[in-house]
Amino acid sequence: AFRSRDYVIAADEESNTRAGFGRIRIHAR
């Protein structure tokens, strides 16, 4: 159920290099 808008990205403040990521997934039932 990939949706890029669900993700956050960690980046280095000086170089703006992306270093990590993760997401929240909301399940509705």
PDB file of all heavy atoms in Angstrom:
ATOM      1  N   ALA A   1       0.827  -1.212   0.000  1.00  0.00           N
ATOM      2  CA  ALA A   1       0.000   0.000   0.000  1.00  0.00           C
ATOM      3  C   ALA A   1       0.862   1.262   0.000  1.00  0.00           C
ATOM      4  O   ALA A   1       0.570   2.230   0.695  1.00  0.00           O
ATOM      5  CB  ALA A   1      -0.973   0.003   1.175  1.00  0.00           C
ATOM      6  N   PHE A   2       1.931   1.251  -0.805  1.00  0.00           N
ATOM      7  CA  PHE A   2       2.864   2.385  -0.857  1.00  0.00           C
ATOM      8  C   PHE A   2       2.164   3.656  -1.308  1.00  0.00           C
ATOM      9  O   PHE A   2       1.451   3.675  -2.303  1.00  0.00           O
ATOM     10  CB  PHE A   2       4.011   2.079  -1.830  1.00  0.00           C
ATOM     11  CG  PHE A   2       4.955   3.227  -1.996  1.00  0.00           C
ATOM     12  CD1 PHE A   2       6.007   3.382  -1.115  1.00  0.00           C
ATOM     13  CD2 PHE A   2       4.794   4.157  -3.006  1.00  0.00           C
ATOM     14  CE1 PHE A   2       6.889   4.452  -1.242  1.00  0.00           C
ATOM     15  CE2 PHE A   2       5.663   5.218  -3.144  1.00  0.00           C
ATOM     16  CZ  PHE A   2       6.713   5.363  -2.257  1.00  0.00           C
ATOM     17  N   ARG A   3       2.384   4.706  -0.533  1.00  0.00           N
ATOM     18  CA  ARG A   3       1.980   6.075  -0.884  1.00  0.00           C
ATOM     19  C   ARG A   3       3.070   6.977  -0.339  1.00  0.00           C
ATOM     20  O   ARG A   3       3.269   7.049   0.876  1.00  0.00           O
ATOM     21  CB  ARG A   3       0.638   6.451  -0.267  1.00  0.00           C
ATOM     22  CG  ARG A   3      -0.510   5.612  -0.760  1.00  0.00           C
ATOM     23  CD  ARG A   3      -1.848   6.011  -0.206  1.00  0.00           C
ATOM     24  NE  ARG A   3      -1.792   6.546   1.147  1.00  0.00           N
ATOM     25  CZ  ARG A   3      -2.838   6.990   1.801  1.00  0.00           C
ATOM     26  NH1 ARG A   3      -4.028   6.990   1.243  1.00  0.00           N
ATOM     27  NH2 ARG A   3      -2.728   7.452   3.027  1.00  0.00           N
ATOM     28  N   SER A   4       3.769   7.669  -1.201  1.00  0.00           N
ATOM     29  CA  SER A   4       4.898   8.485  -0.755  1.00  0.00           C
ATOM     30  C   SER A   4       4.481   9.526   0.273  1.00  0.00           C
ATOM     31  O   SER A   4       5.253   9.865   1.171  1.00  0.00           O
ATOM     32  CB  SER A   4       5.597   9.156  -1.945  1.00  0.00           C
ATOM     33  OG  SER A   4       4.709   9.995  -2.654  1.00  0.00           O
ATOM     34  N   ARG A   5       3.259   9.997   0.206  1.00  0.00           N
ATOM     35  CA  ARG A   5       2.804  11.033   1.154  1.00  0.00           C
ATOM     36  C   ARG A   5       2.715  10.527   2.591  1.00  0.00           C
ATOM     37  O   ARG A   5       2.586  11.308   3.519  1.00  0.00           O
ATOM     38  CB  ARG A   5       1.488  11.637   0.698  1.00  0.00           C
ATOM     39  CG  ARG A   5       0.323  10.689   0.763  1.00  0.00           C
ATOM     40  CD  ARG A   5      -0.961  11.392   0.319  1.00  0.00           C
ATOM     41  NE  ARG A   5      -2.084  10.510   0.310  1.00  0.00           N
ATOM     42  CZ  ARG A   5      -2.558   9.912  -0.774  1.00  0.00           C
ATOM     43  NH1 ARG A   5      -1.993  10.125  -1.943  1.00  0.00           N
ATOM     44  NH2 ARG A   5      -3.601   9.115  -0.699  1.00  0.00           N
ATOM     45  N   ASP A   6       2.756   9.200   2.794  1.00  0.00           N
ATOM     46  CA  ASP A   6       2.720   8.632   4.138  1.00  0.00           C
ATOM     47  C   ASP A   6       4.098   8.610   4.805  1.00  0.00           C
ATOM     48  O   ASP A   6       4.199   8.312   5.981  1.00  0.00           O
ATOM     49  CB  ASP A   6       2.197   7.190   4.100  1.00  0.00           C
ATOM     50  CG  ASP A   6       0.752   7.101   3.663  1.00  0.00           C
ATOM     51  OD1 ASP A   6       0.023   8.099   3.801  1.00  0.00           O
ATOM     52  OD2 ASP A   6       0.360   6.020   3.183  1.00  0.00           O
ATOM     53  N   TYR A   7       5.131   8.907   4.055  1.00  0.00           N
ATOM     54  CA  TYR A   7       6.507   8.776   4.533  1.00  0.00           C
ATOM     55  C   TYR A   7       7.073  10.097   5.037  1.00  0.00           C
ATOM     56  O   TYR A   7       6.648  11.170   4.625  1.00  0.00           O
ATOM     57  CB  TYR A   7       7.421   8.273   3.409  1.00  0.00           C
ATOM     58  CG  TYR A   7       7.279   6.802   3.162  1.00  0.00           C
ATOM     59  CD1 TYR A   7       6.234   6.308   2.410  1.00  0.00           C
ATOM     60  CD2 TYR A   7       8.188   5.902   3.700  1.00  0.00           C
ATOM     61  CE1 TYR A   7       6.088   4.950   2.186  1.00  0.00           C
ATOM     62  CE2 TYR A   7       8.061   4.546   3.482  1.00  0.00           C
ATOM     63  CZ  TYR A   7       7.001   4.076   2.728  1.00  0.00           C
ATOM     64  OH  TYR A   7       6.871   2.725   2.530  1.00  0.00           O
ATOM     65  N   VAL A   8       8.051   9.955   5.912  1.00  0.00           N
ATOM     66  CA  VAL A   8       8.917  11.073   6.289  1.00  0.00           C
ATOM     67  C   VAL A   8      10.338  10.681   5.917  1.00  0.00           C
ATOM     68  O   VAL A   8      10.664   9.493   5.839  1.00  0.00           O
ATOM     69  CB  VAL A   8       8.817  11.433   7.795  1.00  0.00           C
ATOM     70  CG1 VAL A   8       7.415  11.894   8.154  1.00  0.00           C
ATOM     71  CG2 VAL A   8       9.260  10.278   8.673  1.00  0.00           C
ATOM     72  N   ILE A   9      11.161  11.682   5.693  1.00  0.00           N
ATOM     73  CA  ILE A   9      12.552  11.459   5.292  1.00  0.00           C
ATOM     74  C   ILE A   9      13.462  12.258   6.205  1.00  0.00           C
ATOM     75  O   ILE A   9      13.232  13.447   6.428  1.00  0.00           O
ATOM     76  CB  ILE A   9      12.773  11.870   3.822  1.00  0.00           C
ATOM     77  CG1 ILE A   9      11.955  10.942   2.917  1.00  0.00           C
ATOM     78  CG2 ILE A   9      14.253  11.843   3.463  1.00  0.00           C
ATOM     79  CD1 ILE A   9      12.035  11.262   1.460  1.00  0.00           C
ATOM     80  N   ALA A  10      14.484  11.577   6.724  1.00  0.00           N
ATOM     81  CA  ALA A  10      15.512  12.250   7.526  1.00  0.00           C
ATOM     82  C   ALA A  10      16.632  12.674   6.575  1.00  0.00           C
ATOM     83  O   ALA A  10      17.052  11.891   5.713  1.00  0.00           O
ATOM     84  CB  ALA A  10      16.061  11.305   8.592  1.00  0.00           C
ATOM     85  N   ALA A  11      17.086  13.896   6.744  1.00  0.00           N
ATOM     86  CA  ALA A  11      18.135  14.417   5.872  1.00  0.00           C
ATOM     87  C   ALA A  11      19.157  15.198   6.695  1.00  0.00           C
ATOM     88  O   ALA A  11      18.824  15.774   7.737  1.00  0.00           O
ATOM     89  CB  ALA A  11      17.536  15.321   4.796  1.00  0.00           C
ATOM     90  N   ASP A  12      20.374  15.201   6.206  1.00  0.00           N
ATOM     91  CA  ASP A  12      21.450  15.947   6.841  1.00  0.00           C
ATOM     92  C   ASP A  12      21.215  17.436   6.637  1.00  0.00           C
ATOM     93  O   ASP A  12      20.915  17.881   5.516  1.00  0.00           O
ATOM     94  CB  ASP A  12      22.797  15.527   6.230  1.00  0.00           C
ATOM     95  CG  ASP A  12      23.952  16.253   6.848  1.00  0.00           C
ATOM     96  OD1 ASP A  12      24.216  16.023   8.037  1.00  0.00           O
ATOM     97  OD2 ASP A  12      24.588  17.060   6.135  1.00  0.00           O
ATOM     98  N   GLU A  13      21.345  18.206   7.698  1.00  0.00           N
ATOM     99  CA  GLU A  13      21.071  19.650   7.621  1.00  0.00           C
ATOM    100  C   GLU A  13      22.037  20.388   6.701  1.00  0.00           C
ATOM    101  O   GLU A  13      21.649  21.348   6.043  1.00  0.00           O
ATOM    102  CB  GLU A  13      21.124  20.268   9.017  1.00  0.00           C
ATOM    103  CG  GLU A  13      19.956  19.858   9.876  1.00  0.00           C
ATOM    104  CD  GLU A  13      20.008  20.474  11.255  1.00  0.00           C
ATOM    105  OE1 GLU A  13      20.370  21.652  11.368  1.00  0.00           O
ATOM    106  OE2 GLU A  13      19.678  19.752  12.216  1.00  0.00           O
ATOM    107  N   GLU A  14      23.291  19.978   6.680  1.00  0.00           N
ATOM    108  CA  GLU A  14      24.286  20.700   5.888  1.00  0.00           C
ATOM    109  C   GLU A  14      24.255  20.328   4.414  1.00  0.00           C
ATOM    110  O   GLU A  14      24.259  21.194   3.543  1.00  0.00           O
ATOM    111  CB  GLU A  14      25.677  20.459   6.465  1.00  0.00           C
ATOM    112  CG  GLU A  14      25.853  21.071   7.843  1.00  0.00           C
ATOM    113  CD  GLU A  14      27.215  20.778   8.440  1.00  0.00           C
ATOM    114  OE1 GLU A  14      28.139  20.395   7.692  1.00  0.00           O
ATOM    115  OE2 GLU A  14      27.343  20.929   9.665  1.00  0.00           O
ATOM    116  N   SER A  15      24.210  19.028   4.120  1.00  0.00           N
ATOM    117  CA  SER A  15      24.307  18.585   2.726  1.00  0.00           C
ATOM    118  C   SER A  15      22.951  18.281   2.096  1.00  0.00           C
ATOM    119  O   SER A  15      22.862  18.095   0.892  1.00  0.00           O
ATOM    120  CB  SER A  15      25.179  17.333   2.640  1.00  0.00           C
ATOM    121  OG  SER A  15      24.534  16.240   3.284  1.00  0.00           O
ATOM    122  N   ASN A  16      21.909  18.208   2.904  1.00  0.00           N
ATOM    123  CA  ASN A  16      20.570  17.827   2.445  1.00  0.00           C
ATOM    124  C   ASN A  16      20.512  16.376   1.953  1.00  0.00           C
ATOM    125  O   ASN A  16      19.570  15.984   1.288  1.00  0.00           O
ATOM    126  CB  ASN A  16      20.067  18.761   1.351  1.00  0.00           C
ATOM    127  CG  ASN A  16      18.768  19.417   1.735  1.00  0.00           C
ATOM    128  OD1 ASN A  16      18.290  19.286   2.848  1.00  0.00           O
ATOM    129  ND2 ASN A  16      18.199  20.137   0.785  1.00  0.00           N
ATOM    130  N   THR A  17      21.537  15.601   2.265  1.00  0.00           N
ATOM    131  CA  THR A  17      21.587  14.203   1.865  1.00  0.00           C
ATOM    132  C   THR A  17      20.553  13.406   2.651  1.00  0.00           C
ATOM    133  O   THR A  17      20.489  13.496   3.873  1.00  0.00           O
ATOM    134  CB  THR A  17      22.989  13.614   2.129  1.00  0.00           C
ATOM    135  OG1 THR A  17      23.948  14.400   1.424  1.00  0.00           O
ATOM    136  CG2 THR A  17      23.081  12.171   1.701  1.00  0.00           C
ATOM    137  N   ARG A  18      19.742  12.642   1.943  1.00  0.00           N
ATOM    138  CA  ARG A  18      18.728  11.809   2.590  1.00  0.00           C
ATOM    139  C   ARG A  18      19.415  10.632   3.277  1.00  0.00           C
ATOM    140  O   ARG A  18      20.268   9.972   2.685  1.00  0.00           O
ATOM    141  CB  ARG A  18      17.708  11.330   1.567  1.00  0.00           C
ATOM    142  CG  ARG A  18      16.895  12.487   1.005  1.00  0.00           C
ATOM    143  CD  ARG A  18      15.973  12.057  -0.090  1.00  0.00           C
ATOM    144  NE  ARG A  18      16.749  11.913  -1.329  1.00  0.00           N
ATOM    145  CZ  ARG A  18      16.222  11.912  -2.546  1.00  0.00           C
ATOM    146  NH1 ARG A  18      14.923  12.034  -2.699  1.00  0.00           N
ATOM    147  NH2 ARG A  18      16.975  11.779  -3.605  1.00  0.00           N
ATOM    148  N   ALA A  19      19.034  10.390   4.531  1.00  0.00           N
ATOM    149  CA  ALA A  19      19.723   9.394   5.350  1.00  0.00           C
ATOM    150  C   ALA A  19      18.806   8.287   5.858  1.00  0.00           C
ATOM    151  O   ALA A  19      19.287   7.222   6.253  1.00  0.00           O
ATOM    152  CB  ALA A  19      20.382  10.086   6.538  1.00  0.00           C
ATOM    153  N   GLY A  20      17.509   8.505   5.865  1.00  0.00           N
ATOM    154  CA  GLY A  20      16.583   7.502   6.377  1.00  0.00           C
ATOM    155  C   GLY A  20      15.151   7.895   6.110  1.00  0.00           C
ATOM    156  O   GLY A  20      14.874   9.005   5.635  1.00  0.00           O
ATOM    157  N   PHE A  21      14.253   6.994   6.453  1.00  0.00           N
ATOM    158  CA  PHE A  21      12.844   7.221   6.160  1.00  0.00           C
ATOM    159  C   PHE A  21      11.983   6.290   6.991  1.00  0.00           C
ATOM    160  O   PHE A  21      12.477   5.353   7.631  1.00  0.00           O
ATOM    161  CB  PHE A  21      12.562   6.988   4.668  1.00  0.00           C
ATOM    162  CG  PHE A  21      12.999   5.628   4.196  1.00  0.00           C
ATOM    163  CD1 PHE A  21      12.144   4.532   4.263  1.00  0.00           C
ATOM    164  CD2 PHE A  21      14.284   5.434   3.708  1.00  0.00           C
ATOM    165  CE1 PHE A  21      12.551   3.280   3.848  1.00  0.00           C
ATOM    166  CE2 PHE A  21      14.700   4.176   3.283  1.00  0.00           C
ATOM    167  CZ  PHE A  21      13.835   3.096   3.360  1.00  0.00           C
ATOM    168  N   GLY A  22      10.702   6.519   6.973  1.00  0.00           N
ATOM    169  CA  GLY A  22       9.729   5.670   7.645  1.00  0.00           C
ATOM    170  C   GLY A  22       8.339   6.166   7.333  1.00  0.00           C
ATOM    171  O   GLY A  22       8.170   7.236   6.752  1.00  0.00           O
ATOM    172  N   ARG A  23       7.364   5.374   7.736  1.00  0.00           N
ATOM    173  CA  ARG A  23       5.990   5.778   7.432  1.00  0.00           C
ATOM    174  C   ARG A  23       5.027   5.376   8.520  1.00  0.00           C
ATOM    175  O   ARG A  23       5.297   4.483   9.317  1.00  0.00           O
ATOM    176  CB  ARG A  23       5.536   5.189   6.112  1.00  0.00           C
ATOM    177  CG  ARG A  23       5.069   3.740   6.241  1.00  0.00           C
ATOM    178  CD  ARG A  23       4.651   3.127   4.936  1.00  0.00           C
ATOM    179  NE  ARG A  23       3.279   3.416   4.586  1.00  0.00           N
ATOM    180  CZ  ARG A  23       2.549   2.645   3.797  1.00  0.00           C
ATOM    181  NH1 ARG A  23       3.043   1.559   3.272  1.00  0.00           N
ATOM    182  NH2 ARG A  23       1.310   2.972   3.520  1.00  0.00           N
ATOM    183  N   ILE A  24       3.914   6.060   8.511  1.00  0.00           N
ATOM    184  CA  ILE A  24       2.749   5.661   9.292  1.00  0.00           C
ATOM    185  C   ILE A  24       1.758   5.099   8.290  1.00  0.00           C
ATOM    186  O   ILE A  24       1.498   5.695   7.246  1.00  0.00           O
ATOM    187  CB  ILE A  24       2.112   6.868  10.013  1.00  0.00           C
ATOM    188  CG1 ILE A  24       2.978   7.292  11.173  1.00  0.00           C
ATOM    189  CG2 ILE A  24       0.719   6.509  10.490  1.00  0.00           C
ATOM    190  CD1 ILE A  24       2.407   8.474  11.928  1.00  0.00           C
ATOM    191  N   ARG A  25       1.225   3.960   8.640  1.00  0.00           N
ATOM    192  CA  ARG A  25       0.176   3.365   7.806  1.00  0.00           C
ATOM    193  C   ARG A  25      -1.085   3.277   8.652  1.00  0.00           C
ATOM    194  O   ARG A  25      -1.069   2.717   9.749  1.00  0.00           O
ATOM    195  CB  ARG A  25       0.588   1.983   7.324  1.00  0.00           C
ATOM    196  CG  ARG A  25      -0.440   1.365   6.424  1.00  0.00           C
ATOM    197  CD  ARG A  25       0.049   0.101   5.770  1.00  0.00           C
ATOM    198  NE  ARG A  25      -1.035  -0.485   5.002  1.00  0.00           N
ATOM    199  CZ  ARG A  25      -1.083  -1.738   4.627  1.00  0.00           C
ATOM    200  NH1 ARG A  25      -0.080  -2.552   4.923  1.00  0.00           N
ATOM    201  NH2 ARG A  25      -2.100  -2.193   3.946  1.00  0.00           N
ATOM    202  N   ILE A  26      -2.154   3.855   8.149  1.00  0.00           N
ATOM    203  CA  ILE A  26      -3.441   3.836   8.843  1.00  0.00           C
ATOM    204  C   ILE A  26      -4.281   2.718   8.230  1.00  0.00           C
ATOM    205  O   ILE A  26      -4.504   2.686   7.024  1.00  0.00           O
ATOM    206  CB  ILE A  26      -4.189   5.180   8.706  1.00  0.00           C
ATOM    207  CG1 ILE A  26      -3.300   6.362   9.115  1.00  0.00           C
ATOM    208  CG2 ILE A  26      -5.499   5.141   9.484  1.00  0.00           C
ATOM    209  CD1 ILE A  26      -2.809   6.334  10.525  1.00  0.00           C
ATOM    210  N   HIS A  27      -4.706   1.810   9.086  1.00  0.00           N
ATOM    211  CA  HIS A  27      -5.571   0.711   8.669  1.00  0.00           C
ATOM    212  C   HIS A  27      -6.982   1.043   9.120  1.00  0.00           C
ATOM    213  O   HIS A  27      -7.195   1.363  10.293  1.00  0.00           O
ATOM    214  CB  HIS A  27      -5.146  -0.602   9.325  1.00  0.00           C
ATOM    215  CG  HIS A  27      -3.741  -1.001   9.034  1.00  0.00           C
ATOM    216  ND1 HIS A  27      -3.400  -1.745   7.929  1.00  0.00           N
ATOM    217  CD2 HIS A  27      -2.586  -0.763   9.703  1.00  0.00           C
ATOM    218  CE1 HIS A  27      -2.087  -1.951   7.931  1.00  0.00           C
ATOM    219  NE2 HIS A  27      -1.581  -1.360   8.995  1.00  0.00           N
ATOM    220  N   ALA A  28      -7.928   0.965   8.215  1.00  0.00           N
ATOM    221  CA  ALA A  28      -9.332   1.226   8.564  1.00  0.00           C
ATOM    222  C   ALA A  28     -10.145  -0.024   8.275  1.00  0.00           C
ATOM    223  O   ALA A  28     -10.054  -0.594   7.180  1.00  0.00           O
ATOM    224  CB  ALA A  28      -9.863   2.400   7.764  1.00  0.00           C
ATOM    225  N   ARG A  29     -10.879  -0.459   9.290  1.00  0.00           N
ATOM    226  CA  ARG A  29     -11.749  -1.620   9.114  1.00  0.00           C
ATOM    227  C   ARG A  29     -12.912  -1.485  10.081  1.00  0.00           C
ATOM    228  O   ARG A  29     -12.704  -1.218  11.259  1.00  0.00           O
ATOM    229  CB  ARG A  29     -10.995  -2.907   9.374  1.00  0.00           C
ATOM    230  CG  ARG A  29     -11.831  -4.146   9.069  1.00  0.00           C
ATOM    231  CD  ARG A  29     -11.153  -5.435   9.434  1.00  0.00           C
ATOM    232  NE  ARG A  29     -10.134  -5.789   8.469  1.00  0.00           N
ATOM    233  CZ  ARG A  29      -9.369  -6.872   8.586  1.00  0.00           C
ATOM    234  NH1 ARG A  29      -9.514  -7.668   9.628  1.00  0.00           N
ATOM    235  NH2 ARG A  29      -8.465  -7.143   7.694  1.00  0.00           N
TER     236      ARG A  29
END
